[in-house]
Amino acid sequence: MMCRNIKMLHNFEPPVTEAEIRAGALQFVRKISGFNKPSKVNEKPFFAAVDEVARISGTLLASLEPTASPKNRQQEAAKAKVRALRRFGRQVPSEDRGD
């Protein structure tokens, strides 16, 4: 199942930042490990995995060739907000608001 918190990062204007790549990597590692916050004993392998996923994700994004015009971040955020309002009504979860 796809984690809803992991956002598509390819083909946006302005381009993706390292912080956005790392945030996606963190969400991915949280999802597959089952840890939101790892214990002290698991911190080192957890964050090593986040670093590695971020590194390879950055390499992937840098090597992809877009086949369409870049998406506008503000327009995509507005569309996501409308989808969240339709799905959740007036109460929009913070992860869908982009806080």
PDB file of N, CA and C in Angstrom:
ATOM      1  N   MET A   1       0.835  -1.170   0.000  1.00  0.00           N
ATOM      2  CA  MET A   1       0.000   0.000   0.000  1.00  0.00           C
ATOM      3  C   MET A   1       0.890   1.246   0.000  1.00  0.00           C
ATOM      4  N   MET A   2       0.519   2.222  -0.781  1.00  0.00           N
ATOM      5  CA  MET A   2       1.291   3.461  -0.871  1.00  0.00           C
ATOM      6  C   MET A   2       1.036   4.323   0.355  1.00  0.00           C
ATOM      7  N   CYS A   3       2.090   4.864   0.901  1.00  0.00           N
ATOM      8  CA  CYS A   3       1.962   5.767   2.040  1.00  0.00           C
ATOM      9  C   CYS A   3       1.496   7.126   1.536  1.00  0.00           C
ATOM     10  N   ARG A   4       0.413   7.636   2.071  1.00  0.00           N
ATOM     11  CA  ARG A   4      -0.150   8.906   1.606  1.00  0.00           C
ATOM     12  C   ARG A   4       0.764  10.089   1.883  1.00  0.00           C
ATOM     13  N   ASN A   5       1.667   9.976   2.849  1.00  0.00           N
ATOM     14  CA  ASN A   5       2.542  11.092   3.190  1.00  0.00           C
ATOM     15  C   ASN A   5       3.717  11.247   2.242  1.00  0.00           C
ATOM     16  N   ILE A   6       3.986  10.251   1.424  1.00  0.00           N
ATOM     17  CA  ILE A   6       5.098  10.344   0.488  1.00  0.00           C
ATOM     18  C   ILE A   6       4.582  11.041  -0.768  1.00  0.00           C
ATOM     19  N   LYS A   7       5.169  12.182  -1.070  1.00  0.00           N
ATOM     20  CA  LYS A   7       4.729  12.997  -2.192  1.00  0.00           C
ATOM     21  C   LYS A   7       5.596  12.747  -3.418  1.00  0.00           C
ATOM     22  N   MET A   8       4.976  12.872  -4.601  1.00  0.00           N
ATOM     23  CA  MET A   8       5.731  12.786  -5.842  1.00  0.00           C
ATOM     24  C   MET A   8       6.673  13.987  -5.904  1.00  0.00           C
ATOM     25  N   LEU A   9       7.914  13.763  -6.286  1.00  0.00           N
ATOM     26  CA  LEU A   9       8.910  14.825  -6.288  1.00  0.00           C
ATOM     27  C   LEU A   9       9.473  15.122  -7.674  1.00  0.00           C
ATOM     28  N   HIS A  10       9.121  14.324  -8.663  1.00  0.00           N
ATOM     29  CA  HIS A  10       9.680  14.485 -10.007  1.00  0.00           C
ATOM     30  C   HIS A  10       8.911  15.528 -10.812  1.00  0.00           C
ATOM     31  N   ASN A  11       9.654  16.337 -11.534  1.00  0.00           N
ATOM     32  CA  ASN A  11       9.124  17.262 -12.536  1.00  0.00           C
ATOM     33  C   ASN A  11       8.278  18.389 -11.938  1.00  0.00           C
ATOM     34  N   PHE A  12       8.847  19.077 -10.965  1.00  0.00           N
ATOM     35  CA  PHE A  12       8.195  20.246 -10.378  1.00  0.00           C
ATOM     36  C   PHE A  12       9.034  21.486 -10.629  1.00  0.00           C
ATOM     37  N   GLU A  13       8.378  22.605 -10.655  1.00  0.00           N
ATOM     38  CA  GLU A  13       9.047  23.893 -10.750  1.00  0.00           C
ATOM     39  C   GLU A  13       8.629  24.719  -9.548  1.00  0.00           C
ATOM     40  N   PRO A  14       9.496  25.173  -8.689  1.00  0.00           N
ATOM     41  CA  PRO A  14      10.939  24.956  -8.722  1.00  0.00           C
ATOM     42  C   PRO A  14      11.283  23.502  -8.382  1.00  0.00           C
ATOM     43  N   PRO A  15      12.490  23.079  -8.751  1.00  0.00           N
ATOM     44  CA  PRO A  15      12.888  21.685  -8.536  1.00  0.00           C
ATOM     45  C   PRO A  15      12.867  21.283  -7.060  1.00  0.00           C
ATOM     46  N   VAL A  16      12.838  19.993  -6.856  1.00  0.00           N
ATOM     47  CA  VAL A  16      12.821  19.411  -5.517  1.00  0.00           C
ATOM     48  C   VAL A  16      14.083  19.819  -4.740  1.00  0.00           C
ATOM     49  N   THR A  17      13.929  19.948  -3.422  1.00  0.00           N
ATOM     50  CA  THR A  17      15.075  20.268  -2.566  1.00  0.00           C
ATOM     51  C   THR A  17      15.569  19.005  -1.870  1.00  0.00           C
ATOM     52  N   GLU A  18      16.771  19.079  -1.341  1.00  0.00           N
ATOM     53  CA  GLU A  18      17.307  17.944  -0.577  1.00  0.00           C
ATOM     54  C   GLU A  18      16.452  17.665   0.654  1.00  0.00           C
ATOM     55  N   ALA A  19      15.906  18.712   1.259  1.00  0.00           N
ATOM     56  CA  ALA A  19      15.044  18.537   2.437  1.00  0.00           C
ATOM     57  C   ALA A  19      13.771  17.769   2.071  1.00  0.00           C
ATOM     58  N   GLU A  20      13.217  18.048   0.899  1.00  0.00           N
ATOM     59  CA  GLU A  20      12.015  17.330   0.464  1.00  0.00           C
ATOM     60  C   GLU A  20      12.324  15.867   0.163  1.00  0.00           C
ATOM     61  N   ILE A  21      13.475  15.624  -0.431  1.00  0.00           N
ATOM     62  CA  ILE A  21      13.889  14.241  -0.701  1.00  0.00           C
ATOM     63  C   ILE A  21      14.077  13.496   0.619  1.00  0.00           C
ATOM     64  N   ARG A  22      14.743  14.129   1.567  1.00  0.00           N
ATOM     65  CA  ARG A  22      14.961  13.485   2.871  1.00  0.00           C
ATOM     66  C   ARG A  22      13.641  13.228   3.590  1.00  0.00           C
ATOM     67  N   ALA A  23      12.704  14.166   3.520  1.00  0.00           N
ATOM     68  CA  ALA A  23      11.398  13.969   4.162  1.00  0.00           C
ATOM     69  C   ALA A  23      10.678  12.762   3.554  1.00  0.00           C
ATOM     70  N   GLY A  24      10.746  12.609   2.241  1.00  0.00           N
ATOM     71  CA  GLY A  24      10.150  11.451   1.591  1.00  0.00           C
ATOM     72  C   GLY A  24      10.835  10.159   2.003  1.00  0.00           C
ATOM     73  N   ALA A  25      12.163  10.208   2.097  1.00  0.00           N
ATOM     74  CA  ALA A  25      12.926   9.028   2.527  1.00  0.00           C
ATOM     75  C   ALA A  25      12.561   8.642   3.959  1.00  0.00           C
ATOM     76  N   LEU A  26      12.417   9.631   4.816  1.00  0.00           N
ATOM     77  CA  LEU A  26      12.032   9.374   6.205  1.00  0.00           C
ATOM     78  C   LEU A  26      10.665   8.706   6.265  1.00  0.00           C
ATOM     79  N   GLN A  27       9.700   9.216   5.511  1.00  0.00           N
ATOM     80  CA  GLN A  27       8.362   8.619   5.501  1.00  0.00           C
ATOM     81  C   GLN A  27       8.411   7.179   4.985  1.00  0.00           C
ATOM     82  N   PHE A  28       9.214   6.941   3.952  1.00  0.00           N
ATOM     83  CA  PHE A  28       9.339   5.596   3.398  1.00  0.00           C
ATOM     84  C   PHE A  28       9.923   4.630   4.430  1.00  0.00           C
ATOM     85  N   VAL A  29      11.003   5.034   5.089  1.00  0.00           N
ATOM     86  CA  VAL A  29      11.643   4.160   6.091  1.00  0.00           C
ATOM     87  C   VAL A  29      10.711   3.952   7.284  1.00  0.00           C
ATOM     88  N   ARG A  30       9.986   4.982   7.678  1.00  0.00           N
ATOM     89  CA  ARG A  30       8.995   4.810   8.756  1.00  0.00           C
ATOM     90  C   ARG A  30       7.959   3.766   8.365  1.00  0.00           C
ATOM     91  N   LYS A  31       7.493   3.848   7.134  1.00  0.00           N
ATOM     92  CA  LYS A  31       6.444   2.930   6.669  1.00  0.00           C
ATOM     93  C   LYS A  31       6.946   1.485   6.663  1.00  0.00           C
ATOM     94  N   ILE A  32       8.120   1.260   6.069  1.00  0.00           N
ATOM     95  CA  ILE A  32       8.567  -0.131   5.945  1.00  0.00           C
ATOM     96  C   ILE A  32       9.104  -0.708   7.247  1.00  0.00           C
ATOM     97  N   SER A  33       9.613   0.168   8.153  1.00  0.00           N
ATOM     98  CA  SER A  33      10.139  -0.343   9.422  1.00  0.00           C
ATOM     99  C   SER A  33       9.052  -0.500  10.477  1.00  0.00           C
ATOM    100  N   GLY A  34       7.982   0.275  10.340  1.00  0.00           N
ATOM    101  CA  GLY A  34       6.934   0.254  11.348  1.00  0.00           C
ATOM    102  C   GLY A  34       7.227   1.165  12.527  1.00  0.00           C
ATOM    103  N   PHE A  35       8.339   1.913  12.465  1.00  0.00           N
ATOM    104  CA  PHE A  35       8.709   2.836  13.534  1.00  0.00           C
ATOM    105  C   PHE A  35       8.395   4.263  13.123  1.00  0.00           C
ATOM    106  N   ASN A  36       7.701   4.981  13.978  1.00  0.00           N
ATOM    107  CA  ASN A  36       7.567   6.415  13.757  1.00  0.00           C
ATOM    108  C   ASN A  36       8.819   7.104  14.294  1.00  0.00           C
ATOM    109  N   LYS A  37       9.260   6.639  15.467  1.00  0.00           N
ATOM    110  CA  LYS A  37      10.505   7.108  16.070  1.00  0.00           C
ATOM    111  C   LYS A  37      11.197   5.858  16.603  1.00  0.00           C
ATOM    112  N   PRO A  38      12.374   5.538  16.066  1.00  0.00           N
ATOM    113  CA  PRO A  38      13.042   4.308  16.507  1.00  0.00           C
ATOM    114  C   PRO A  38      13.581   4.423  17.928  1.00  0.00           C
ATOM    115  N   SER A  39      13.722   3.276  18.580  1.00  0.00           N
ATOM    116  CA  SER A  39      14.345   3.233  19.906  1.00  0.00           C
ATOM    117  C   SER A  39      15.827   3.576  19.760  1.00  0.00           C
ATOM    118  N   LYS A  40      16.466   3.852  20.875  1.00  0.00           N
ATOM    119  CA  LYS A  40      17.903   4.184  20.858  1.00  0.00           C
ATOM    120  C   LYS A  40      18.714   3.108  20.152  1.00  0.00           C
ATOM    121  N   VAL A  41      18.391   1.846  20.421  1.00  0.00           N
ATOM    122  CA  VAL A  41      19.151   0.746  19.831  1.00  0.00           C
ATOM    123  C   VAL A  41      18.956   0.672  18.309  1.00  0.00           C
ATOM    124  N   ASN A  42      17.830   1.164  17.810  1.00  0.00           N
ATOM    125  CA  ASN A  42      17.540   1.104  16.381  1.00  0.00           C
ATOM    126  C   ASN A  42      17.774   2.420  15.634  1.00  0.00           C
ATOM    127  N   GLU A  43      18.169   3.476  16.347  1.00  0.00           N
ATOM    128  CA  GLU A  43      18.371   4.778  15.700  1.00  0.00           C
ATOM    129  C   GLU A  43      19.419   4.739  14.594  1.00  0.00           C
ATOM    130  N   LYS A  44      20.568   4.146  14.863  1.00  0.00           N
ATOM    131  CA  LYS A  44      21.660   4.152  13.888  1.00  0.00           C
ATOM    132  C   LYS A  44      21.260   3.464  12.579  1.00  0.00           C
ATOM    133  N   PRO A  45      20.735   2.227  12.607  1.00  0.00           N
ATOM    134  CA  PRO A  45      20.348   1.610  11.333  1.00  0.00           C
ATOM    135  C   PRO A  45      19.155   2.317  10.675  1.00  0.00           C
ATOM    136  N   PHE A  46      18.247   2.852  11.481  1.00  0.00           N
ATOM    137  CA  PHE A  46      17.082   3.564  10.949  1.00  0.00           C
ATOM    138  C   PHE A  46      17.526   4.784  10.145  1.00  0.00           C
ATOM    139  N   PHE A  47      18.358   5.636  10.758  1.00  0.00           N
ATOM    140  CA  PHE A  47      18.783   6.859  10.079  1.00  0.00           C
ATOM    141  C   PHE A  47      19.794   6.583   8.969  1.00  0.00           C
ATOM    142  N   ALA A  48      20.533   5.486   9.074  1.00  0.00           N
ATOM    143  CA  ALA A  48      21.401   5.086   7.960  1.00  0.00           C
ATOM    144  C   ALA A  48      20.545   4.723   6.747  1.00  0.00           C
ATOM    145  N   ALA A  49      19.429   4.052   6.995  1.00  0.00           N
ATOM    146  CA  ALA A  49      18.509   3.711   5.908  1.00  0.00           C
ATOM    147  C   ALA A  49      17.887   4.972   5.304  1.00  0.00           C
ATOM    148  N   VAL A  50      17.517   5.929   6.154  1.00  0.00           N
ATOM    149  CA  VAL A  50      16.965   7.197   5.650  1.00  0.00           C
ATOM    150  C   VAL A  50      17.992   7.881   4.753  1.00  0.00           C
ATOM    151  N   ASP A  51      19.245   7.938   5.198  1.00  0.00           N
ATOM    152  CA  ASP A  51      20.304   8.569   4.402  1.00  0.00           C
ATOM    153  C   ASP A  51      20.483   7.871   3.061  1.00  0.00           C
ATOM    154  N   GLU A  52      20.479   6.555   3.076  1.00  0.00           N
ATOM    155  CA  GLU A  52      20.684   5.787   1.839  1.00  0.00           C
ATOM    156  C   GLU A  52      19.509   5.948   0.880  1.00  0.00           C
ATOM    157  N   VAL A  53      18.294   5.897   1.396  1.00  0.00           N
ATOM    158  CA  VAL A  53      17.106   6.087   0.552  1.00  0.00           C
ATOM    159  C   VAL A  53      17.107   7.501  -0.031  1.00  0.00           C
ATOM    160  N   ALA A  54      17.475   8.497   0.761  1.00  0.00           N
ATOM    161  CA  ALA A  54      17.541   9.875   0.276  1.00  0.00           C
ATOM    162  C   ALA A  54      18.602  10.012  -0.815  1.00  0.00           C
ATOM    163  N   ARG A  55      19.749   9.384  -0.598  1.00  0.00           N
ATOM    164  CA  ARG A  55      20.834   9.457  -1.583  1.00  0.00           C
ATOM    165  C   ARG A  55      20.414   8.858  -2.916  1.00  0.00           C
ATOM    166  N   ILE A  56      19.870   7.661  -2.880  1.00  0.00           N
ATOM    167  CA  ILE A  56      19.497   6.985  -4.126  1.00  0.00           C
ATOM    168  C   ILE A  56      18.295   7.673  -4.779  1.00  0.00           C
ATOM    169  N   SER A  57      17.407   8.234  -3.965  1.00  0.00           N
ATOM    170  CA  SER A  57      16.264   8.969  -4.516  1.00  0.00           C
ATOM    171  C   SER A  57      16.732  10.230  -5.236  1.00  0.00           C
ATOM    172  N   GLY A  58      17.700  10.925  -4.658  1.00  0.00           N
ATOM    173  CA  GLY A  58      18.266  12.109  -5.309  1.00  0.00           C
ATOM    174  C   GLY A  58      18.923  11.750  -6.630  1.00  0.00           C
ATOM    175  N   THR A  59      19.646  10.634  -6.646  1.00  0.00           N
ATOM    176  CA  THR A  59      20.276  10.156  -7.884  1.00  0.00           C
ATOM    177  C   THR A  59      19.212   9.841  -8.935  1.00  0.00           C
ATOM    178  N   LEU A  60      18.171   9.154  -8.519  1.00  0.00           N
ATOM    179  CA  LEU A  60      17.081   8.824  -9.436  1.00  0.00           C
ATOM    180  C   LEU A  60      16.450  10.086 -10.009  1.00  0.00           C
ATOM    181  N   LEU A  61      16.069  11.018  -9.140  1.00  0.00           N
ATOM    182  CA  LEU A  61      15.404  12.239  -9.601  1.00  0.00           C
ATOM    183  C   LEU A  61      16.284  13.049 -10.541  1.00  0.00           C
ATOM    184  N   ALA A  62      17.588  13.089 -10.274  1.00  0.00           N
ATOM    185  CA  ALA A  62      18.514  13.833 -11.136  1.00  0.00           C
ATOM    186  C   ALA A  62      18.671  13.183 -12.502  1.00  0.00           C
ATOM    187  N   SER A  63      18.441  11.879 -12.593  1.00  0.00           N
ATOM    188  CA  SER A  63      18.653  11.180 -13.857  1.00  0.00           C
ATOM    189  C   SER A  63      17.390  11.049 -14.708  1.00  0.00           C
ATOM    190  N   LEU A  64      16.223  11.318 -14.132  1.00  0.00           N
ATOM    191  CA  LEU A  64      14.976  11.178 -14.893  1.00  0.00           C
ATOM    192  C   LEU A  64      14.816  12.303 -15.909  1.00  0.00           C
ATOM    193  N   GLU A  65      14.338  11.962 -17.086  1.00  0.00           N
ATOM    194  CA  GLU A  65      14.050  12.934 -18.136  1.00  0.00           C
ATOM    195  C   GLU A  65      12.551  13.188 -18.147  1.00  0.00           C
ATOM    196  N   PRO A  66      12.119  14.418 -17.931  1.00  0.00           N
ATOM    197  CA  PRO A  66      10.683  14.701 -17.943  1.00  0.00           C
ATOM    198  C   PRO A  66      10.096  14.548 -19.342  1.00  0.00           C
ATOM    199  N   THR A  67       8.869  14.050 -19.394  1.00  0.00           N
ATOM    200  CA  THR A  67       8.173  13.902 -20.676  1.00  0.00           C
ATOM    201  C   THR A  67       7.011  14.883 -20.780  1.00  0.00           C
ATOM    202  N   ALA A  68       6.818  15.686 -19.745  1.00  0.00           N
ATOM    203  CA  ALA A  68       5.736  16.684 -19.727  1.00  0.00           C
ATOM    204  C   ALA A  68       6.294  17.976 -19.136  1.00  0.00           C
ATOM    205  N   SER A  69       5.534  19.031 -19.241  1.00  0.00           N
ATOM    206  CA  SER A  69       5.923  20.304 -18.647  1.00  0.00           C
ATOM    207  C   SER A  69       5.970  20.164 -17.130  1.00  0.00           C
ATOM    208  N   PRO A  70       6.873  20.898 -16.479  1.00  0.00           N
ATOM    209  CA  PRO A  70       6.931  20.826 -15.012  1.00  0.00           C
ATOM    210  C   PRO A  70       5.624  21.279 -14.377  1.00  0.00           C
ATOM    211  N   LYS A  71       5.297  20.626 -13.270  1.00  0.00           N
ATOM    212  CA  LYS A  71       4.089  20.989 -12.520  1.00  0.00           C
ATOM    213  C   LYS A  71       4.402  22.176 -11.627  1.00  0.00           C
ATOM    214  N   ASN A  72       3.399  23.009 -11.405  1.00  0.00           N
ATOM    215  CA  ASN A  72       3.522  24.158 -10.524  1.00  0.00           C
ATOM    216  C   ASN A  72       3.175  23.722  -9.105  1.00  0.00           C
ATOM    217  N   ARG A  73       4.063  23.957  -8.163  1.00  0.00           N
ATOM    218  CA  ARG A  73       3.866  23.510  -6.776  1.00  0.00           C
ATOM    219  C   ARG A  73       2.599  24.089  -6.150  1.00  0.00           C
ATOM    220  N   GLN A  74       2.356  25.381  -6.360  1.00  0.00           N
ATOM    221  CA  GLN A  74       1.187  26.013  -5.753  1.00  0.00           C
ATOM    222  C   GLN A  74      -0.111  25.441  -6.325  1.00  0.00           C
ATOM    223  N   GLN A  75      -0.142  25.220  -7.627  1.00  0.00           N
ATOM    224  CA  GLN A  75      -1.343  24.640  -8.237  1.00  0.00           C
ATOM    225  C   GLN A  75      -1.585  23.227  -7.740  1.00  0.00           C
ATOM    226  N   GLU A  76      -0.547  22.436  -7.628  1.00  0.00           N
ATOM    227  CA  GLU A  76      -0.683  21.060  -7.148  1.00  0.00           C
ATOM    228  C   GLU A  76      -1.111  21.040  -5.683  1.00  0.00           C
ATOM    229  N   ALA A  77      -0.584  21.971  -4.879  1.00  0.00           N
ATOM    230  CA  ALA A  77      -0.980  22.062  -3.472  1.00  0.00           C
ATOM    231  C   ALA A  77      -2.458  22.431  -3.358  1.00  0.00           C
ATOM    232  N   ALA A  78      -2.912  23.337  -4.218  1.00  0.00           N
ATOM    233  CA  ALA A  78      -4.323  23.737  -4.201  1.00  0.00           C
ATOM    234  C   ALA A  78      -5.221  22.560  -4.586  1.00  0.00           C
ATOM    235  N   LYS A  79      -4.815  21.785  -5.589  1.00  0.00           N
ATOM    236  CA  LYS A  79      -5.586  20.598  -5.988  1.00  0.00           C
ATOM    237  C   LYS A  79      -5.653  19.591  -4.840  1.00  0.00           C
ATOM    238  N   ALA A  80      -4.531  19.395  -4.142  1.00  0.00           N
ATOM    239  CA  ALA A  80      -4.489  18.451  -3.020  1.00  0.00           C
ATOM    240  C   ALA A  80      -5.411  18.914  -1.899  1.00  0.00           C
ATOM    241  N   LYS A  81      -5.453  20.210  -1.669  1.00  0.00           N
ATOM    242  CA  LYS A  81      -6.321  20.749  -0.622  1.00  0.00           C
ATOM    243  C   LYS A  81      -7.785  20.502  -0.963  1.00  0.00           C
ATOM    244  N   VAL A  82      -8.157  20.688  -2.234  1.00  0.00           N
ATOM    245  CA  VAL A  82      -9.534  20.425  -2.672  1.00  0.00           C
ATOM    246  C   VAL A  82      -9.865  18.946  -2.490  1.00  0.00           C
ATOM    247  N   ARG A  83      -8.926  18.059  -2.884  1.00  0.00           N
ATOM    248  CA  ARG A  83      -9.154  16.613  -2.709  1.00  0.00           C
ATOM    249  C   ARG A  83      -9.340  16.272  -1.236  1.00  0.00           C
ATOM    250  N   ALA A  84      -8.527  16.887  -0.367  1.00  0.00           N
ATOM    251  CA  ALA A  84      -8.627  16.614   1.070  1.00  0.00           C
ATOM    252  C   ALA A  84      -9.956  17.116   1.617  1.00  0.00           C
ATOM    253  N   LEU A  85     -10.379  18.286   1.165  1.00  0.00           N
ATOM    254  CA  LEU A  85     -11.674  18.813   1.620  1.00  0.00           C
ATOM    255  C   LEU A  85     -12.815  17.895   1.209  1.00  0.00           C
ATOM    256  N   ARG A  86     -12.745  17.376  -0.016  1.00  0.00           N
ATOM    257  CA  ARG A  86     -13.778  16.433  -0.481  1.00  0.00           C
ATOM    258  C   ARG A  86     -13.756  15.149   0.345  1.00  0.00           C
ATOM    259  N   ARG A  87     -12.566  14.694   0.647  1.00  0.00           N
ATOM    260  CA  ARG A  87     -12.426  13.429   1.362  1.00  0.00           C
ATOM    261  C   ARG A  87     -12.750  13.560   2.841  1.00  0.00           C
ATOM    262  N   PHE A  88     -12.256  14.609   3.485  1.00  0.00           N
ATOM    263  CA  PHE A  88     -12.362  14.736   4.930  1.00  0.00           C
ATOM    264  C   PHE A  88     -13.352  15.800   5.382  1.00  0.00           C
ATOM    265  N   GLY A  89     -13.933  16.538   4.467  1.00  0.00           N
ATOM    266  CA  GLY A  89     -14.848  17.607   4.841  1.00  0.00           C
ATOM    267  C   GLY A  89     -14.092  18.811   5.346  1.00  0.00           C
ATOM    268  N   ARG A  90     -14.629  19.467   6.339  1.00  0.00           N
ATOM    269  CA  ARG A  90     -14.022  20.703   6.847  1.00  0.00           C
ATOM    270  C   ARG A  90     -12.726  20.455   7.604  1.00  0.00           C
ATOM    271  N   GLN A  91     -12.578  19.283   8.188  1.00  0.00           N
ATOM    272  CA  GLN A  91     -11.399  18.955   8.990  1.00  0.00           C
ATOM    273  C   GLN A  91     -10.324  18.379   8.074  1.00  0.00           C
ATOM    274  N   VAL A  92      -9.298  19.154   7.737  1.00  0.00           N
ATOM    275  CA  VAL A  92      -8.229  18.700   6.850  1.00  0.00           C
ATOM    276  C   VAL A  92      -7.026  18.315   7.700  1.00  0.00           C
ATOM    277  N   PRO A  93      -6.569  17.050   7.580  1.00  0.00           N
ATOM    278  CA  PRO A  93      -5.388  16.621   8.340  1.00  0.00           C
ATOM    279  C   PRO A  93      -4.164  17.470   8.003  1.00  0.00           C
ATOM    280  N   SER A  94      -3.301  17.706   8.979  1.00  0.00           N
ATOM    281  CA  SER A  94      -2.144  18.591   8.795  1.00  0.00           C
ATOM    282  C   SER A  94      -1.226  18.109   7.677  1.00  0.00           C
ATOM    283  N   GLU A  95      -1.058  16.793   7.472  1.00  0.00           N
ATOM    284  CA  GLU A  95      -0.166  16.318   6.430  1.00  0.00           C
ATOM    285  C   GLU A  95      -0.700  16.641   5.039  1.00  0.00           C
ATOM    286  N   ASP A  96      -2.008  16.845   4.890  1.00  0.00           N
ATOM    287  CA  ASP A  96      -2.571  17.213   3.603  1.00  0.00           C
ATOM    288  C   ASP A  96      -2.546  18.722   3.379  1.00  0.00           C
ATOM    289  N   ARG A  97      -2.353  19.489   4.456  1.00  0.00           N
ATOM    290  CA  ARG A  97      -2.307  20.942   4.330  1.00  0.00           C
ATOM    291  C   ARG A  97      -0.914  21.418   3.946  1.00  0.00           C
ATOM    292  N   GLY A  98       0.077  20.566   4.128  1.00  0.00           N
ATOM    293  CA  GLY A  98       1.443  20.967   3.829  1.00  0.00           C
ATOM    294  C   GLY A  98       2.099  21.795   4.911  1.00  0.00           C
ATOM    295  N   ASP A  99       1.593  21.692   6.151  1.00  0.00           N
ATOM    296  CA  ASP A  99       2.167  22.447   7.278  1.00  0.00           C
ATOM    297  C   ASP A  99       3.577  21.993   7.560  1.00  0.00           C
TER     298      ASP A  99
END
